[in-house]
Amino acid sequence: MTVWIGSLVFVAWTTTVAMSDLRHRRVSNALVVAGLMAAFACAFTTRLPFGVAPAQAALGALCGLAALLPFFALRMMGAADVKVFAVLGAWCGAHALLDLWVVASILAGLHACALLIMTRLRFAAPGHGGVPVPALHRHRATPYVTCLAVPALGMLALRHLGGV
């Protein structure tokens, strides 16, 4: 039964941040902190749903933050993307971050290509980094937090099906 509680909390948090990113292209700090607290609560109590101990959760959060922080510094990624990746590191452990990042990046690339093809999306003026970015209305077109959430939820589903 405790397996399901941790899993349900993870699904609820991941779905909430994904929906916030899809709708508003923003994830509040309150959601980030709630996810981090829930990840550590699971790590300290049951180590479920991903079997991550407290030290592994801390390492995962630090690795997630460090891995995407350079992209934020170069203005290639938003702060929410970096923070959510750090929280996913706390939930899933550092060992899962590379897989999450690769799948999320493939999804983001596919999403951007589909938008370009289907809507003849215009490119926004170069940002601070000098690189034009796809824009849909006022927002960058690809919701990267949502792209991170999809493989994270898939990883949880595979764990419950006994595949991981």
Protein backbone atom coordinates (compact mmCIF):
# COMPACT_ATOMS: atom_id res chain seq x y z
CA MET A 1 0.00 0.00 0.00
CA THR A 2 2.81 2.47 0.80
CA VAL A 3 4.21 1.90 -2.69
CA TRP A 4 1.04 3.39 -4.10
CA ILE A 5 1.03 6.42 -1.79
CA GLY A 6 4.50 7.53 -2.87
CA SER A 7 3.65 6.80 -6.48
CA LEU A 8 0.40 8.74 -6.32
CA VAL A 9 2.16 11.74 -4.77
CA PHE A 10 4.81 11.58 -7.52
CA VAL A 11 2.18 11.32 -10.27
CA ALA A 12 0.16 14.18 -8.77
CA TRP A 13 3.21 16.46 -8.48
CA THR A 14 4.61 15.58 -11.90
CA THR A 15 1.24 16.03 -13.60
CA THR A 16 0.66 19.35 -11.83
CA VAL A 17 4.01 20.84 -12.89
CA ALA A 18 3.52 19.54 -16.44
CA MET A 19 0.06 21.10 -16.69
CA SER A 20 1.33 24.39 -15.27
CA ASP A 21 4.11 24.38 -17.86
CA LEU A 22 1.72 23.55 -20.69
CA ARG A 23 -0.82 26.19 -19.75
CA HIS A 24 1.31 29.04 -18.48
CA ARG A 25 4.92 28.16 -19.39
CA ARG A 26 5.60 28.72 -15.71
CA VAL A 27 6.03 26.52 -12.64
CA SER A 28 5.71 28.24 -9.30
CA ASN A 29 8.42 27.97 -6.67
CA ALA A 30 5.77 26.64 -4.29
CA LEU A 31 5.26 23.63 -6.57
CA VAL A 32 9.01 23.10 -6.81
CA VAL A 33 9.42 23.22 -3.02
CA ALA A 34 6.42 20.90 -2.52
CA GLY A 35 7.95 18.37 -4.91
CA LEU A 36 11.32 18.56 -3.21
CA MET A 37 9.75 18.11 0.24
CA ALA A 38 7.70 15.16 -0.97
CA ALA A 39 10.76 13.55 -2.59
CA PHE A 40 12.75 13.81 0.63
CA ALA A 41 9.79 12.67 2.75
CA CYS A 42 9.58 9.53 0.62
CA ALA A 43 13.36 9.05 0.75
CA PHE A 44 13.44 9.35 4.54
CA THR A 45 10.42 7.15 5.20
CA THR A 46 9.78 4.44 2.64
CA ARG A 47 12.33 5.09 -0.14
CA LEU A 48 9.45 4.67 -2.55
CA PRO A 49 8.44 4.92 -5.36
CA PHE A 50 11.96 4.78 -6.86
CA GLY A 51 13.93 3.16 -4.03
CA VAL A 52 15.99 6.31 -3.43
CA ALA A 53 17.62 6.76 -0.01
CA PRO A 54 18.10 10.25 1.50
CA ALA A 55 21.75 10.55 0.40
CA GLN A 56 20.80 9.46 -3.13
CA ALA A 57 17.98 12.03 -3.18
CA ALA A 58 20.38 14.80 -2.16
CA LEU A 59 22.93 13.72 -4.76
CA GLY A 60 20.22 13.49 -7.42
CA ALA A 61 18.96 16.99 -6.65
CA LEU A 62 22.46 18.45 -6.76
CA CYS A 63 23.32 16.64 -10.01
CA GLY A 64 20.05 17.74 -11.61
CA LEU A 65 20.70 21.34 -10.64
CA ALA A 66 24.33 21.28 -11.77
CA ALA A 67 23.54 19.55 -15.08
CA LEU A 68 21.07 22.13 -16.39
CA LEU A 69 22.33 25.28 -14.66
CA PRO A 70 24.76 26.08 -17.52
CA PHE A 71 21.85 26.04 -19.99
CA PHE A 72 20.00 28.52 -17.78
CA ALA A 73 23.11 30.71 -17.56
CA LEU A 74 23.30 30.73 -21.36
CA ARG A 75 19.57 31.61 -21.53
CA MET A 76 18.80 28.41 -23.38
CA MET A 77 16.51 27.13 -20.65
CA GLY A 78 14.20 28.61 -18.04
CA ALA A 79 14.74 28.50 -14.30
CA ALA A 80 11.73 26.23 -13.81
CA ASP A 81 13.25 23.64 -16.13
CA VAL A 82 16.40 23.53 -14.01
CA LYS A 83 14.55 23.42 -10.69
CA VAL A 84 12.14 20.70 -11.81
CA PHE A 85 15.05 18.62 -13.11
CA ALA A 86 16.69 18.94 -9.68
CA VAL A 87 13.47 17.78 -8.00
CA LEU A 88 13.22 14.85 -10.41
CA GLY A 89 16.80 14.01 -9.40
CA ALA A 90 15.67 13.91 -5.78
CA TRP A 91 12.75 11.65 -6.65
CA CYS A 92 14.47 9.31 -9.11
CA GLY A 93 18.15 9.51 -8.12
CA ALA A 94 21.15 10.76 -10.06
CA HIS A 95 21.42 7.49 -11.99
CA ALA A 96 18.12 8.24 -13.80
CA LEU A 97 18.90 11.82 -14.84
CA LEU A 98 20.77 11.09 -18.06
CA ASP A 99 17.92 8.93 -19.38
CA LEU A 100 15.34 11.55 -18.39
CA TRP A 101 17.35 14.33 -20.03
CA VAL A 102 17.92 12.43 -23.30
CA VAL A 103 14.28 11.42 -23.71
CA ALA A 104 13.05 14.90 -22.72
CA SER A 105 15.40 16.53 -25.21
CA ILE A 106 14.22 14.23 -27.99
CA LEU A 107 10.60 15.03 -27.12
CA ALA A 108 11.37 18.77 -27.05
CA GLY A 109 13.04 18.54 -30.46
CA LEU A 110 10.12 16.61 -31.93
CA HIS A 111 7.69 19.12 -30.43
CA ALA A 112 9.60 22.06 -31.89
CA CYS A 113 9.78 20.43 -35.32
CA ALA A 114 6.08 19.60 -35.28
CA LEU A 115 5.23 23.20 -34.39
CA LEU A 116 7.43 24.52 -37.17
CA ILE A 117 5.86 22.22 -39.72
CA MET A 118 2.23 22.42 -38.62
CA THR A 119 1.94 26.10 -37.81
CA ARG A 120 4.73 27.65 -39.83
CA LEU A 121 5.88 29.07 -36.54
CA ARG A 122 7.91 32.22 -36.71
CA PHE A 123 11.20 32.56 -34.91
CA ALA A 124 11.37 35.22 -32.24
CA ALA A 125 14.09 37.81 -32.27
CA PRO A 126 17.32 36.62 -30.73
CA GLY A 127 17.36 36.66 -26.95
CA HIS A 128 20.24 37.55 -24.72
CA GLY A 129 22.22 34.61 -26.06
CA GLY A 130 21.86 35.86 -29.64
CA VAL A 131 20.06 32.71 -30.79
CA PRO A 132 16.55 32.95 -32.27
CA VAL A 133 14.06 30.75 -30.45
CA PRO A 134 10.74 29.40 -31.69
CA ALA A 135 7.92 31.49 -30.23
CA LEU A 136 4.22 30.83 -29.93
CA HIS A 137 2.44 34.00 -28.88
CA ARG A 138 4.63 35.41 -26.10
CA HIS A 139 5.97 32.06 -24.90
CA ARG A 140 8.80 29.88 -26.04
CA ALA A 141 7.10 27.13 -27.92
CA THR A 142 8.43 24.01 -26.21
CA PRO A 143 7.33 23.28 -22.63
CA TYR A 144 10.49 21.51 -21.44
CA VAL A 145 9.15 20.73 -17.95
CA THR A 146 6.39 18.76 -19.62
CA CYS A 147 8.99 17.00 -21.77
CA LEU A 148 10.79 16.05 -18.53
CA ALA A 149 7.58 14.86 -16.89
CA VAL A 150 6.68 12.40 -19.64
CA PRO A 151 9.75 10.13 -19.30
CA ALA A 152 9.62 10.43 -15.50
CA LEU A 153 6.06 9.15 -15.49
CA GLY A 154 7.06 6.48 -17.98
CA MET A 155 9.89 5.38 -15.71
CA LEU A 156 7.44 5.04 -12.82
CA ALA A 157 5.05 3.03 -14.98
CA LEU A 158 7.87 0.69 -15.99
CA ARG A 159 8.84 0.22 -12.34
CA HIS A 160 5.30 -0.76 -11.47
CA LEU A 161 5.13 -3.14 -14.39
CA GLY A 162 8.33 -4.78 -13.19
CA GLY A 163 10.46 -3.68 -16.13
CA VAL A 164 12.96 -1.57 -14.21
